[in-house]
Amino acid sequence: MLIPSRDEEPIEVEVERLDPLPDGSGSPAAGKTWGPILVGFVLDLADLITFGPGMKRIAVPVGFAVGVYAGTRMGLPLRQRLFLGAVGAAYCSLSATSPYPIGTVIGSLYRAGLFGRRA
């Protein structure tokens, strides 16, 4: 076992701390990390809720509201919020998408940089 001698200087490490968000909620990167995944998850939950019989008539408004709300939380301009609302409405109105977590998968792929990034 090696024992360091007292003549050696200690190693100094410089640390750069990130400023917390203005509301005190922690690191600014935290929202960007989970944002797309959570949006997909919430959209999948809305799709699952509107899966039952008689629920398809509210699927379009619920999907649109979730899409617009998600776009607002992501800080998108109005045109992109409305587009995301239309995608949410279409997604929730399709019966075939209810059993599959497609929104969460797309959010995860986007977060990983494999989907939706422009070169």
PDB file of N, CA and C in Angstrom:
ATOM      1  N   MET A   1       0.844  -1.153   0.000  1.00  0.00           N
ATOM      2  CA  MET A   1       0.000   0.000   0.000  1.00  0.00           C
ATOM      3  C   MET A   1       0.898   1.227   0.000  1.00  0.00           C
ATOM      4  N   LEU A   2       0.567   2.156  -0.887  1.00  0.00           N
ATOM      5  CA  LEU A   2       1.349   3.373  -0.969  1.00  0.00           C
ATOM      6  C   LEU A   2       0.772   4.438  -0.050  1.00  0.00           C
ATOM      7  N   ILE A   3       1.629   5.061   0.677  1.00  0.00           N
ATOM      8  CA  ILE A   3       1.225   6.145   1.552  1.00  0.00           C
ATOM      9  C   ILE A   3       1.856   7.425   1.014  1.00  0.00           C
ATOM     10  N   PRO A   4       1.043   8.433   0.682  1.00  0.00           N
ATOM     11  CA  PRO A   4       1.626   9.649   0.140  1.00  0.00           C
ATOM     12  C   PRO A   4       2.479  10.365   1.176  1.00  0.00           C
ATOM     13  N   SER A   5       3.521  10.938   0.686  1.00  0.00           N
ATOM     14  CA  SER A   5       4.389  11.672   1.606  1.00  0.00           C
ATOM     15  C   SER A   5       3.800  13.047   1.873  1.00  0.00           C
ATOM     16  N   ARG A   6       4.258  13.667   2.923  1.00  0.00           N
ATOM     17  CA  ARG A   6       3.741  14.976   3.309  1.00  0.00           C
ATOM     18  C   ARG A   6       4.298  16.088   2.421  1.00  0.00           C
ATOM     19  N   ASP A   7       5.278  15.777   1.594  1.00  0.00           N
ATOM     20  CA  ASP A   7       5.882  16.792   0.735  1.00  0.00           C
ATOM     21  C   ASP A   7       5.062  17.050  -0.526  1.00  0.00           C
ATOM     22  N   GLU A   8       4.172  16.145  -0.898  1.00  0.00           N
ATOM     23  CA  GLU A   8       3.372  16.318  -2.109  1.00  0.00           C
ATOM     24  C   GLU A   8       2.281  17.369  -1.876  1.00  0.00           C
ATOM     25  N   GLU A   9       2.034  18.184  -2.916  1.00  0.00           N
ATOM     26  CA  GLU A   9       0.988  19.190  -2.816  1.00  0.00           C
ATOM     27  C   GLU A   9      -0.367  18.530  -3.099  1.00  0.00           C
ATOM     28  N   PRO A  10      -1.384  18.981  -2.426  1.00  0.00           N
ATOM     29  CA  PRO A  10      -2.710  18.409  -2.688  1.00  0.00           C
ATOM     30  C   PRO A  10      -3.220  18.845  -4.063  1.00  0.00           C
ATOM     31  N   ILE A  11      -4.064  18.029  -4.632  1.00  0.00           N
ATOM     32  CA  ILE A  11      -4.657  18.330  -5.928  1.00  0.00           C
ATOM     33  C   ILE A  11      -5.808  19.307  -5.708  1.00  0.00           C
ATOM     34  N   GLU A  12      -5.806  20.385  -6.483  1.00  0.00           N
ATOM     35  CA  GLU A  12      -6.886  21.361  -6.383  1.00  0.00           C
ATOM     36  C   GLU A  12      -7.840  21.162  -7.557  1.00  0.00           C
ATOM     37  N   VAL A  13      -9.125  21.189  -7.268  1.00  0.00           N
ATOM     38  CA  VAL A  13     -10.155  20.988  -8.275  1.00  0.00           C
ATOM     39  C   VAL A  13     -11.009  22.246  -8.339  1.00  0.00           C
ATOM     40  N   GLU A  14     -11.224  22.735  -9.562  1.00  0.00           N
ATOM     41  CA  GLU A  14     -12.092  23.887  -9.740  1.00  0.00           C
ATOM     42  C   GLU A  14     -13.497  23.398 -10.076  1.00  0.00           C
ATOM     43  N   VAL A  15     -14.471  23.997  -9.449  1.00  0.00           N
ATOM     44  CA  VAL A  15     -15.870  23.611  -9.648  1.00  0.00           C
ATOM     45  C   VAL A  15     -16.644  24.831 -10.107  1.00  0.00           C
ATOM     46  N   GLU A  16     -17.435  24.646 -11.160  1.00  0.00           N
ATOM     47  CA  GLU A  16     -18.307  25.715 -11.627  1.00  0.00           C
ATOM     48  C   GLU A  16     -19.738  25.305 -11.306  1.00  0.00           C
ATOM     49  N   ARG A  17     -20.363  26.041 -10.427  1.00  0.00           N
ATOM     50  CA  ARG A  17     -21.726  25.709 -10.020  1.00  0.00           C
ATOM     51  C   ARG A  17     -22.722  26.392 -10.948  1.00  0.00           C
ATOM     52  N   LEU A  18     -23.796  25.663 -11.271  1.00  0.00           N
ATOM     53  CA  LEU A  18     -24.853  26.222 -12.097  1.00  0.00           C
ATOM     54  C   LEU A  18     -25.772  27.066 -11.237  1.00  0.00           C
ATOM     55  N   ASP A  19     -26.208  28.192 -11.776  1.00  0.00           N
ATOM     56  CA  ASP A  19     -27.157  29.032 -11.058  1.00  0.00           C
ATOM     57  C   ASP A  19     -28.516  28.339 -11.048  1.00  0.00           C
ATOM     58  N   PRO A  20     -29.215  28.383  -9.919  1.00  0.00           N
ATOM     59  CA  PRO A  20     -30.558  27.799  -9.906  1.00  0.00           C
ATOM     60  C   PRO A  20     -31.508  28.670 -10.722  1.00  0.00           C
ATOM     61  N   LEU A  21     -32.639  28.082 -11.085  1.00  0.00           N
ATOM     62  CA  LEU A  21     -33.655  28.831 -11.812  1.00  0.00           C
ATOM     63  C   LEU A  21     -34.199  29.941 -10.922  1.00  0.00           C
ATOM     64  N   PRO A  22     -34.771  30.999 -11.505  1.00  0.00           N
ATOM     65  CA  PRO A  22     -35.283  32.105 -10.693  1.00  0.00           C
ATOM     66  C   PRO A  22     -36.315  31.674  -9.655  1.00  0.00           C
ATOM     67  N   ASP A  23     -37.078  30.633  -9.944  1.00  0.00           N
ATOM     68  CA  ASP A  23     -38.065  30.186  -8.966  1.00  0.00           C
ATOM     69  C   ASP A  23     -37.465  29.251  -7.915  1.00  0.00           C
ATOM     70  N   GLY A  24     -36.157  28.996  -8.010  1.00  0.00           N
ATOM     71  CA  GLY A  24     -35.475  28.171  -7.014  1.00  0.00           C
ATOM     72  C   GLY A  24     -35.678  26.694  -7.201  1.00  0.00           C
ATOM     73  N   SER A  25     -36.114  26.257  -8.378  1.00  0.00           N
ATOM     74  CA  SER A  25     -36.450  24.851  -8.581  1.00  0.00           C
ATOM     75  C   SER A  25     -35.276  23.994  -9.030  1.00  0.00           C
ATOM     76  N   GLY A  26     -34.096  24.529  -9.070  1.00  0.00           N
ATOM     77  CA  GLY A  26     -32.934  23.700  -9.379  1.00  0.00           C
ATOM     78  C   GLY A  26     -32.268  24.056 -10.680  1.00  0.00           C
ATOM     79  N   SER A  27     -31.728  23.068 -11.326  1.00  0.00           N
ATOM     80  CA  SER A  27     -30.915  23.247 -12.520  1.00  0.00           C
ATOM     81  C   SER A  27     -31.769  23.584 -13.736  1.00  0.00           C
ATOM     82  N   PRO A  28     -31.296  24.506 -14.604  1.00  0.00           N
ATOM     83  CA  PRO A  28     -32.055  24.816 -15.804  1.00  0.00           C
ATOM     84  C   PRO A  28     -32.131  23.654 -16.784  1.00  0.00           C
ATOM     85  N   ALA A  29     -31.210  22.724 -16.713  1.00  0.00           N
ATOM     86  CA  ALA A  29     -31.211  21.602 -17.648  1.00  0.00           C
ATOM     87  C   ALA A  29     -32.263  20.554 -17.303  1.00  0.00           C
ATOM     88  N   ALA A  30     -32.796  20.577 -16.085  1.00  0.00           N
ATOM     89  CA  ALA A  30     -33.741  19.545 -15.667  1.00  0.00           C
ATOM     90  C   ALA A  30     -35.015  19.561 -16.498  1.00  0.00           C
ATOM     91  N   GLY A  31     -35.556  20.738 -16.810  1.00  0.00           N
ATOM     92  CA  GLY A  31     -36.769  20.816 -17.616  1.00  0.00           C
ATOM     93  C   GLY A  31     -36.539  20.350 -19.035  1.00  0.00           C
ATOM     94  N   LYS A  32     -35.384  20.638 -19.588  1.00  0.00           N
ATOM     95  CA  LYS A  32     -35.087  20.221 -20.948  1.00  0.00           C
ATOM     96  C   LYS A  32     -34.828  18.726 -21.023  1.00  0.00           C
ATOM     97  N   THR A  33     -34.367  18.154 -19.951  1.00  0.00           N
ATOM     98  CA  THR A  33     -34.065  16.733 -19.945  1.00  0.00           C
ATOM     99  C   THR A  33     -35.332  15.892 -19.994  1.00  0.00           C
ATOM    100  N   TRP A  34     -36.277  16.181 -19.154  1.00  0.00           N
ATOM    101  CA  TRP A  34     -37.479  15.361 -19.049  1.00  0.00           C
ATOM    102  C   TRP A  34     -38.656  15.917 -19.823  1.00  0.00           C
ATOM    103  N   GLY A  35     -38.572  17.143 -20.331  1.00  0.00           N
ATOM    104  CA  GLY A  35     -39.695  17.794 -21.001  1.00  0.00           C
ATOM    105  C   GLY A  35     -40.315  16.993 -22.125  1.00  0.00           C
ATOM    106  N   PRO A  36     -39.552  16.615 -23.162  1.00  0.00           N
ATOM    107  CA  PRO A  36     -40.164  15.876 -24.269  1.00  0.00           C
ATOM    108  C   PRO A  36     -40.720  14.515 -23.849  1.00  0.00           C
ATOM    109  N   ILE A  37     -40.068  13.867 -22.910  1.00  0.00           N
ATOM    110  CA  ILE A  37     -40.537  12.557 -22.448  1.00  0.00           C
ATOM    111  C   ILE A  37     -41.842  12.709 -21.667  1.00  0.00           C
ATOM    112  N   LEU A  38     -41.919  13.723 -20.808  1.00  0.00           N
ATOM    113  CA  LEU A  38     -43.142  13.946 -20.036  1.00  0.00           C
ATOM    114  C   LEU A  38     -44.307  14.368 -20.925  1.00  0.00           C
ATOM    115  N   VAL A  39     -44.031  15.176 -21.944  1.00  0.00           N
ATOM    116  CA  VAL A  39     -45.089  15.570 -22.881  1.00  0.00           C
ATOM    117  C   VAL A  39     -45.649  14.338 -23.575  1.00  0.00           C
ATOM    118  N   GLY A  40     -44.778  13.458 -24.040  1.00  0.00           N
ATOM    119  CA  GLY A  40     -45.232  12.221 -24.670  1.00  0.00           C
ATOM    120  C   GLY A  40     -46.017  11.346 -23.712  1.00  0.00           C
ATOM    121  N   PHE A  41     -45.573  11.278 -22.458  1.00  0.00           N
ATOM    122  CA  PHE A  41     -46.250  10.467 -21.453  1.00  0.00           C
ATOM    123  C   PHE A  41     -47.651  11.012 -21.159  1.00  0.00           C
ATOM    124  N   VAL A  42     -47.770  12.326 -21.023  1.00  0.00           N
ATOM    125  CA  VAL A  42     -49.081  12.934 -20.759  1.00  0.00           C
ATOM    126  C   VAL A  42     -50.016  12.722 -21.948  1.00  0.00           C
ATOM    127  N   LEU A  43     -49.475  12.837 -23.155  1.00  0.00           N
ATOM    128  CA  LEU A  43     -50.289  12.582 -24.346  1.00  0.00           C
ATOM    129  C   LEU A  43     -50.741  11.126 -24.404  1.00  0.00           C
ATOM    130  N   ASP A  44     -49.861  10.201 -24.018  1.00  0.00           N
ATOM    131  CA  ASP A  44     -50.253   8.790 -23.960  1.00  0.00           C
ATOM    132  C   ASP A  44     -51.328   8.552 -22.904  1.00  0.00           C
ATOM    133  N   LEU A  45     -51.237   9.231 -21.773  1.00  0.00           N
ATOM    134  CA  LEU A  45     -52.280   9.101 -20.744  1.00  0.00           C
ATOM    135  C   LEU A  45     -53.621   9.629 -21.245  1.00  0.00           C
ATOM    136  N   ALA A  46     -53.593  10.770 -21.934  1.00  0.00           N
ATOM    137  CA  ALA A  46     -54.830  11.314 -22.500  1.00  0.00           C
ATOM    138  C   ALA A  46     -55.410  10.352 -23.533  1.00  0.00           C
ATOM    139  N   ASP A  47     -54.562   9.732 -24.324  1.00  0.00           N
ATOM    140  CA  ASP A  47     -55.018   8.756 -25.322  1.00  0.00           C
ATOM    141  C   ASP A  47     -55.623   7.543 -24.642  1.00  0.00           C
ATOM    142  N   LEU A  48     -55.023   7.107 -23.555  1.00  0.00           N
ATOM    143  CA  LEU A  48     -55.536   5.952 -22.825  1.00  0.00           C
ATOM    144  C   LEU A  48     -56.882   6.262 -22.166  1.00  0.00           C
ATOM    145  N   ILE A  49     -57.022   7.475 -21.644  1.00  0.00           N
ATOM    146  CA  ILE A  49     -58.276   7.874 -20.999  1.00  0.00           C
ATOM    147  C   ILE A  49     -59.417   7.921 -22.015  1.00  0.00           C
ATOM    148  N   THR A  50     -59.120   8.344 -23.226  1.00  0.00           N
ATOM    149  CA  THR A  50     -60.164   8.463 -24.251  1.00  0.00           C
ATOM    150  C   THR A  50     -60.341   7.183 -25.064  1.00  0.00           C
ATOM    151  N   PHE A  51     -59.838   6.067 -24.580  1.00  0.00           N
ATOM    152  CA  PHE A  51     -59.903   4.799 -25.299  1.00  0.00           C
ATOM    153  C   PHE A  51     -61.253   4.104 -25.167  1.00  0.00           C
ATOM    154  N   GLY A  52     -61.935   4.291 -24.063  1.00  0.00           N
ATOM    155  CA  GLY A  52     -63.159   3.551 -23.787  1.00  0.00           C
ATOM    156  C   GLY A  52     -64.313   3.888 -24.716  1.00  0.00           C
ATOM    157  N   PRO A  53     -65.382   3.073 -24.632  1.00  0.00           N
ATOM    158  CA  PRO A  53     -66.550   3.326 -25.487  1.00  0.00           C
ATOM    159  C   PRO A  53     -67.219   4.652 -25.106  1.00  0.00           C
ATOM    160  N   GLY A  54     -67.578   5.414 -26.110  1.00  0.00           N
ATOM    161  CA  GLY A  54     -68.237   6.695 -25.874  1.00  0.00           C
ATOM    162  C   GLY A  54     -67.280   7.841 -25.567  1.00  0.00           C
ATOM    163  N   MET A  55     -65.999   7.555 -25.464  1.00  0.00           N
ATOM    164  CA  MET A  55     -65.019   8.594 -25.127  1.00  0.00           C
ATOM    165  C   MET A  55     -64.405   9.241 -26.355  1.00  0.00           C
ATOM    166  N   LYS A  56     -64.635   8.665 -27.530  1.00  0.00           N
ATOM    167  CA  LYS A  56     -64.005   9.202 -28.734  1.00  0.00           C
ATOM    168  C   LYS A  56     -64.531  10.591 -29.092  1.00  0.00           C
ATOM    169  N   ARG A  57     -65.723  10.951 -28.625  1.00  0.00           N
ATOM    170  CA  ARG A  57     -66.229  12.290 -28.946  1.00  0.00           C
ATOM    171  C   ARG A  57     -65.494  13.379 -28.168  1.00  0.00           C
ATOM    172  N   ILE A  58     -64.845  13.029 -27.066  1.00  0.00           N
ATOM    173  CA  ILE A  58     -64.054  14.028 -26.345  1.00  0.00           C
ATOM    174  C   ILE A  58     -62.560  13.883 -26.617  1.00  0.00           C
ATOM    175  N   ALA A  59     -62.193  12.897 -27.434  1.00  0.00           N
ATOM    176  CA  ALA A  59     -60.777  12.641 -27.700  1.00  0.00           C
ATOM    177  C   ALA A  59     -60.116  13.811 -28.421  1.00  0.00           C
ATOM    178  N   VAL A  60     -60.798  14.400 -29.394  1.00  0.00           N
ATOM    179  CA  VAL A  60     -60.214  15.503 -30.163  1.00  0.00           C
ATOM    180  C   VAL A  60     -59.972  16.732 -29.270  1.00  0.00           C
ATOM    181  N   PRO A  61     -60.975  17.189 -28.486  1.00  0.00           N
ATOM    182  CA  PRO A  61     -60.691  18.352 -27.631  1.00  0.00           C
ATOM    183  C   PRO A  61     -59.637  18.081 -26.555  1.00  0.00           C
ATOM    184  N   VAL A  62     -59.649  16.880 -25.980  1.00  0.00           N
ATOM    185  CA  VAL A  62     -58.659  16.554 -24.954  1.00  0.00           C
ATOM    186  C   VAL A  62     -57.256  16.511 -25.553  1.00  0.00           C
ATOM    187  N   GLY A  63     -57.100  15.846 -26.693  1.00  0.00           N
ATOM    188  CA  GLY A  63     -55.806  15.775 -27.355  1.00  0.00           C
ATOM    189  C   GLY A  63     -55.306  17.142 -27.778  1.00  0.00           C
ATOM    190  N   PHE A  64     -56.218  17.985 -28.285  1.00  0.00           N
ATOM    191  CA  PHE A  64     -55.835  19.337 -28.686  1.00  0.00           C
ATOM    192  C   PHE A  64     -55.384  20.146 -27.472  1.00  0.00           C
ATOM    193  N   ALA A  65     -56.138  20.058 -26.383  1.00  0.00           N
ATOM    194  CA  ALA A  65     -55.779  20.809 -25.167  1.00  0.00           C
ATOM    195  C   ALA A  65     -54.427  20.364 -24.615  1.00  0.00           C
ATOM    196  N   VAL A  66     -54.175  19.061 -24.598  1.00  0.00           N
ATOM    197  CA  VAL A  66     -52.883  18.557 -24.105  1.00  0.00           C
ATOM    198  C   VAL A  66     -51.746  19.037 -25.004  1.00  0.00           C
ATOM    199  N   GLY A  67     -51.952  18.997 -26.311  1.00  0.00           N
ATOM    200  CA  GLY A  67     -50.920  19.441 -27.244  1.00  0.00           C
ATOM    201  C   GLY A  67     -50.602  20.920 -27.106  1.00  0.00           C
ATOM    202  N   VAL A  68     -51.648  21.748 -27.017  1.00  0.00           N
ATOM    203  CA  VAL A  68     -51.429  23.194 -26.876  1.00  0.00           C
ATOM    204  C   VAL A  68     -50.776  23.513 -25.535  1.00  0.00           C
ATOM    205  N   TYR A  69     -51.229  22.859 -24.473  1.00  0.00           N
ATOM    206  CA  TYR A  69     -50.634  23.088 -23.157  1.00  0.00           C
ATOM    207  C   TYR A  69     -49.158  22.684 -23.151  1.00  0.00           C
ATOM    208  N   ALA A  70     -48.851  21.552 -23.757  1.00  0.00           N
ATOM    209  CA  ALA A  70     -47.453  21.106 -23.818  1.00  0.00           C
ATOM    210  C   ALA A  70     -46.606  22.092 -24.611  1.00  0.00           C
ATOM    211  N   GLY A  71     -47.141  22.584 -25.721  1.00  0.00           N
ATOM    212  CA  GLY A  71     -46.418  23.573 -26.508  1.00  0.00           C
ATOM    213  C   GLY A  71     -46.185  24.863 -25.745  1.00  0.00           C
ATOM    214  N   THR A  72     -47.161  25.251 -24.937  1.00  0.00           N
ATOM    215  CA  THR A  72     -47.016  26.445 -24.112  1.00  0.00           C
ATOM    216  C   THR A  72     -45.929  26.255 -23.069  1.00  0.00           C
ATOM    217  N   ARG A  73     -45.928  25.101 -22.423  1.00  0.00           N
ATOM    218  CA  ARG A  73     -44.906  24.816 -21.401  1.00  0.00           C
ATOM    219  C   ARG A  73     -43.510  24.724 -22.002  1.00  0.00           C
ATOM    220  N   MET A  74     -43.427  24.321 -23.275  1.00  0.00           N
ATOM    221  CA  MET A  74     -42.138  24.220 -23.938  1.00  0.00           C
ATOM    222  C   MET A  74     -41.681  25.562 -24.503  1.00  0.00           C
ATOM    223  N   GLY A  75     -42.543  26.594 -24.424  1.00  0.00           N
ATOM    224  CA  GLY A  75     -42.183  27.912 -24.903  1.00  0.00           C
ATOM    225  C   GLY A  75     -42.224  28.064 -26.413  1.00  0.00           C
ATOM    226  N   LEU A  76     -43.060  27.281 -27.074  1.00  0.00           N
ATOM    227  CA  LEU A  76     -43.159  27.343 -28.530  1.00  0.00           C
ATOM    228  C   LEU A  76     -44.005  28.538 -28.960  1.00  0.00           C
ATOM    229  N   PRO A  77     -43.760  29.067 -30.171  1.00  0.00           N
ATOM    230  CA  PRO A  77     -44.629  30.125 -30.692  1.00  0.00           C
ATOM    231  C   PRO A  77     -46.037  29.587 -30.968  1.00  0.00           C
ATOM    232  N   LEU A  78     -46.984  30.511 -31.153  1.00  0.00           N
ATOM    233  CA  LEU A  78     -48.395  30.133 -31.292  1.00  0.00           C
ATOM    234  C   LEU A  78     -48.634  29.147 -32.431  1.00  0.00           C
ATOM    235  N   ARG A  79     -48.014  29.375 -33.564  1.00  0.00           N
ATOM    236  CA  ARG A  79     -48.228  28.483 -34.713  1.00  0.00           C
ATOM    237  C   ARG A  79     -47.794  27.046 -34.379  1.00  0.00           C
ATOM    238  N   GLN A  80     -46.661  26.877 -33.717  1.00  0.00           N
ATOM    239  CA  GLN A  80     -46.187  25.541 -33.360  1.00  0.00           C
ATOM    240  C   GLN A  80     -47.043  24.929 -32.257  1.00  0.00           C
ATOM    241  N   ARG A  81     -47.577  25.755 -31.355  1.00  0.00           N
ATOM    242  CA  ARG A  81     -48.489  25.240 -30.326  1.00  0.00           C
ATOM    243  C   ARG A  81     -49.753  24.669 -30.965  1.00  0.00           C
ATOM    244  N   LEU A  82     -50.297  25.410 -31.932  1.00  0.00           N
ATOM    245  CA  LEU A  82     -51.505  24.938 -32.610  1.00  0.00           C
ATOM    246  C   LEU A  82     -51.225  23.665 -33.401  1.00  0.00           C
ATOM    247  N   PHE A  83     -50.053  23.585 -34.034  1.00  0.00           N
ATOM    248  CA  PHE A  83     -49.679  22.370 -34.754  1.00  0.00           C
ATOM    249  C   PHE A  83     -49.561  21.193 -33.794  1.00  0.00           C
ATOM    250  N   LEU A  84     -48.927  21.415 -32.643  1.00  0.00           N
ATOM    251  CA  LEU A  84     -48.800  20.347 -31.644  1.00  0.00           C
ATOM    252  C   LEU A  84     -50.177  19.953 -31.111  1.00  0.00           C
ATOM    253  N   GLY A  85     -51.086  20.919 -30.979  1.00  0.00           N
ATOM    254  CA  GLY A  85     -52.459  20.611 -30.580  1.00  0.00           C
ATOM    255  C   GLY A  85     -53.170  19.756 -31.609  1.00  0.00           C
ATOM    256  N   ALA A  86     -52.959  20.063 -32.904  1.00  0.00           N
ATOM    257  CA  ALA A  86     -53.576  19.260 -33.970  1.00  0.00           C
ATOM    258  C   ALA A  86     -53.020  17.835 -33.976  1.00  0.00           C
ATOM    259  N   VAL A  87     -51.719  17.708 -33.751  1.00  0.00           N
ATOM    260  CA  VAL A  87     -51.114  16.370 -33.678  1.00  0.00           C
ATOM    261  C   VAL A  87     -51.678  15.605 -32.484  1.00  0.00           C
ATOM    262  N   GLY A  88     -51.827  16.280 -31.348  1.00  0.00           N
ATOM    263  CA  GLY A  88     -52.402  15.638 -30.164  1.00  0.00           C
ATOM    264  C   GLY A  88     -53.831  15.208 -30.387  1.00  0.00           C
ATOM    265  N   ALA A  89     -54.613  16.048 -31.074  1.00  0.00           N
ATOM    266  CA  ALA A  89     -56.008  15.698 -31.364  1.00  0.00           C
ATOM    267  C   ALA A  89     -56.088  14.489 -32.281  1.00  0.00           C
ATOM    268  N   ALA A  90     -55.251  14.471 -33.314  1.00  0.00           N
ATOM    269  CA  ALA A  90     -55.247  13.326 -34.226  1.00  0.00           C
ATOM    270  C   ALA A  90     -54.795  12.060 -33.508  1.00  0.00           C
ATOM    271  N   TYR A  91     -53.783  12.177 -32.668  1.00  0.00           N
ATOM    272  CA  TYR A  91     -53.245  11.032 -31.953  1.00  0.00           C
ATOM    273  C   TYR A  91     -54.282  10.422 -31.010  1.00  0.00           C
ATOM    274  N   CYS A  92     -54.989  11.271 -30.281  1.00  0.00           N
ATOM    275  CA  CYS A  92     -55.985  10.762 -29.338  1.00  0.00           C
ATOM    276  C   CYS A  92     -57.229  10.227 -30.036  1.00  0.00           C
ATOM    277  N   SER A  93     -57.510  10.682 -31.254  1.00  0.00           N
ATOM    278  CA  SER A  93     -58.718  10.227 -31.938  1.00  0.00           C
ATOM    279  C   SER A  93     -58.527   8.887 -32.655  1.00  0.00           C
ATOM    280  N   LEU A  94     -57.287   8.453 -32.830  1.00  0.00           N
ATOM    281  CA  LEU A  94     -57.034   7.164 -33.482  1.00  0.00           C
ATOM    282  C   LEU A  94     -57.129   6.034 -32.464  1.00  0.00           C
ATOM    283  N   SER A  95     -57.950   5.049 -32.743  1.00  0.00           N
ATOM    284  CA  SER A  95     -58.142   3.936 -31.806  1.00  0.00           C
ATOM    285  C   SER A  95     -56.923   3.022 -31.721  1.00  0.00           C
ATOM    286  N   ALA A  96     -56.185   2.910 -32.808  1.00  0.00           N
ATOM    287  CA  ALA A  96     -55.070   1.967 -32.840  1.00  0.00           C
ATOM    288  C   ALA A  96     -53.889   2.405 -31.974  1.00  0.00           C
ATOM    289  N   THR A  97     -53.816   3.676 -31.589  1.00  0.00           N
ATOM    290  CA  THR A  97     -52.654   4.155 -30.836  1.00  0.00           C
ATOM    291  C   THR A  97     -52.802   3.996 -29.326  1.00  0.00           C
ATOM    292  N   SER A  98     -53.998   3.709 -28.836  1.00  0.00           N
ATOM    293  CA  SER A  98     -54.228   3.679 -27.395  1.00  0.00           C
ATOM    294  C   SER A  98     -53.390   2.662 -26.630  1.00  0.00           C
ATOM    295  N   PRO A  99     -53.216   1.429 -27.093  1.00  0.00           N
ATOM    296  CA  PRO A  99     -52.445   0.475 -26.288  1.00  0.00           C
ATOM    297  C   PRO A  99     -50.931   0.679 -26.334  1.00  0.00           C
ATOM    298  N   TYR A 100     -50.452   1.555 -27.203  1.00  0.00           N
ATOM    299  CA  TYR A 100     -49.009   1.696 -27.388  1.00  0.00           C
ATOM    300  C   TYR A 100     -48.522   3.074 -26.925  1.00  0.00           C
ATOM    301  N   PRO A 101     -47.416   3.144 -26.210  1.00  0.00           N
ATOM    302  CA  PRO A 101     -46.895   4.433 -25.729  1.00  0.00           C
ATOM    303  C   PRO A 101     -46.068   5.162 -26.796  1.00  0.00           C
ATOM    304  N   ILE A 102     -46.685   5.452 -27.927  1.00  0.00           N
ATOM    305  CA  ILE A 102     -45.963   6.053 -29.048  1.00  0.00           C
ATOM    306  C   ILE A 102     -45.455   7.448 -28.683  1.00  0.00           C
ATOM    307  N   GLY A 103     -46.250   8.235 -27.976  1.00  0.00           N
ATOM    308  CA  GLY A 103     -45.830   9.579 -27.588  1.00  0.00           C
ATOM    309  C   GLY A 103     -44.593   9.567 -26.706  1.00  0.00           C
ATOM    310  N   THR A 104     -44.549   8.663 -25.753  1.00  0.00           N
ATOM    311  CA  THR A 104     -43.385   8.559 -24.866  1.00  0.00           C
ATOM    312  C   THR A 104     -42.149   8.112 -25.634  1.00  0.00           C
ATOM    313  N   VAL A 105     -42.329   7.185 -26.558  1.00  0.00           N
ATOM    314  CA  VAL A 105     -41.194   6.712 -27.359  1.00  0.00           C
ATOM    315  C   VAL A 105     -40.649   7.842 -28.234  1.00  0.00           C
ATOM    316  N   ILE A 106     -41.533   8.606 -28.872  1.00  0.00           N
ATOM    317  CA  ILE A 106     -41.083   9.712 -29.718  1.00  0.00           C
ATOM    318  C   ILE A 106     -40.398  10.783 -28.869  1.00  0.00           C
ATOM    319  N   GLY A 107     -40.932  11.080 -27.681  1.00  0.00           N
ATOM    320  CA  GLY A 107     -40.284  12.036 -26.787  1.00  0.00           C
ATOM    321  C   GLY A 107     -38.908  11.567 -26.353  1.00  0.00           C
ATOM    322  N   SER A 108     -38.767  10.279 -26.096  1.00  0.00           N
ATOM    323  CA  SER A 108     -37.471   9.723 -25.708  1.00  0.00           C
ATOM    324  C   SER A 108     -36.470   9.783 -26.856  1.00  0.00           C
ATOM    325  N   LEU A 109     -36.947   9.454 -28.064  1.00  0.00           N
ATOM    326  CA  LEU A 109     -36.067   9.531 -29.231  1.00  0.00           C
ATOM    327  C   LEU A 109     -35.646  10.969 -29.511  1.00  0.00           C
ATOM    328  N   TYR A 110     -36.571  11.906 -29.339  1.00  0.00           N
ATOM    329  CA  TYR A 110     -36.237  13.311 -29.532  1.00  0.00           C
ATOM    330  C   TYR A 110     -35.193  13.753 -28.517  1.00  0.00           C
ATOM    331  N   ARG A 111     -35.376  13.347 -27.281  1.00  0.00           N
ATOM    332  CA  ARG A 111     -34.440  13.712 -26.222  1.00  0.00           C
ATOM    333  C   ARG A 111     -33.060  13.103 -26.468  1.00  0.00           C
ATOM    334  N   ALA A 112     -33.033  11.904 -27.019  1.00  0.00           N
ATOM    335  CA  ALA A 112     -31.761  11.238 -27.309  1.00  0.00           C
ATOM    336  C   ALA A 112     -31.083  11.818 -28.537  1.00  0.00           C
ATOM    337  N   GLY A 113     -31.783  12.664 -29.288  1.00  0.00           N
ATOM    338  CA  GLY A 113     -31.193  13.275 -30.469  1.00  0.00           C
ATOM    339  C   GLY A 113     -31.328  12.446 -31.727  1.00  0.00           C
ATOM    340  N   LEU A 114     -32.153  11.401 -31.677  1.00  0.00           N
ATOM    341  CA  LEU A 114     -32.309  10.511 -32.828  1.00  0.00           C
ATOM    342  C   LEU A 114     -33.513  10.885 -33.693  1.00  0.00           C
ATOM    343  N   PHE A 115     -34.342  11.807 -33.207  1.00  0.00           N
ATOM    344  CA  PHE A 115     -35.567  12.131 -33.922  1.00  0.00           C
ATOM    345  C   PHE A 115     -35.868  13.610 -33.738  1.00  0.00           C
ATOM    346  N   GLY A 116     -36.216  14.251 -34.829  1.00  0.00           N
ATOM    347  CA  GLY A 116     -36.700  15.622 -34.734  1.00  0.00           C
ATOM    348  C   GLY A 116     -35.644  16.703 -34.732  1.00  0.00           C
ATOM    349  N   ARG A 117     -34.371  16.360 -34.831  1.00  0.00           N
ATOM    350  CA  ARG A 117     -33.322  17.384 -34.850  1.00  0.00           C
ATOM    351  C   ARG A 117     -32.950  17.703 -36.284  1.00  0.00           C
ATOM    352  N   ARG A 118     -32.737  18.961 -36.553  1.00  0.00           N
ATOM    353  CA  ARG A 118     -32.321  19.370 -37.889  1.00  0.00           C
ATOM    354  C   ARG A 118     -30.809  19.467 -37.956  1.00  0.00           C
ATOM    355  N   ALA A 119     -30.264  19.033 -39.084  1.00  0.00           N
ATOM    356  CA  ALA A 119     -28.811  19.052 -39.250  1.00  0.00           C
ATOM    357  C   ALA A 119     -28.299  20.431 -39.582  1.00  0.00           C
TER     358      ALA A 119
END
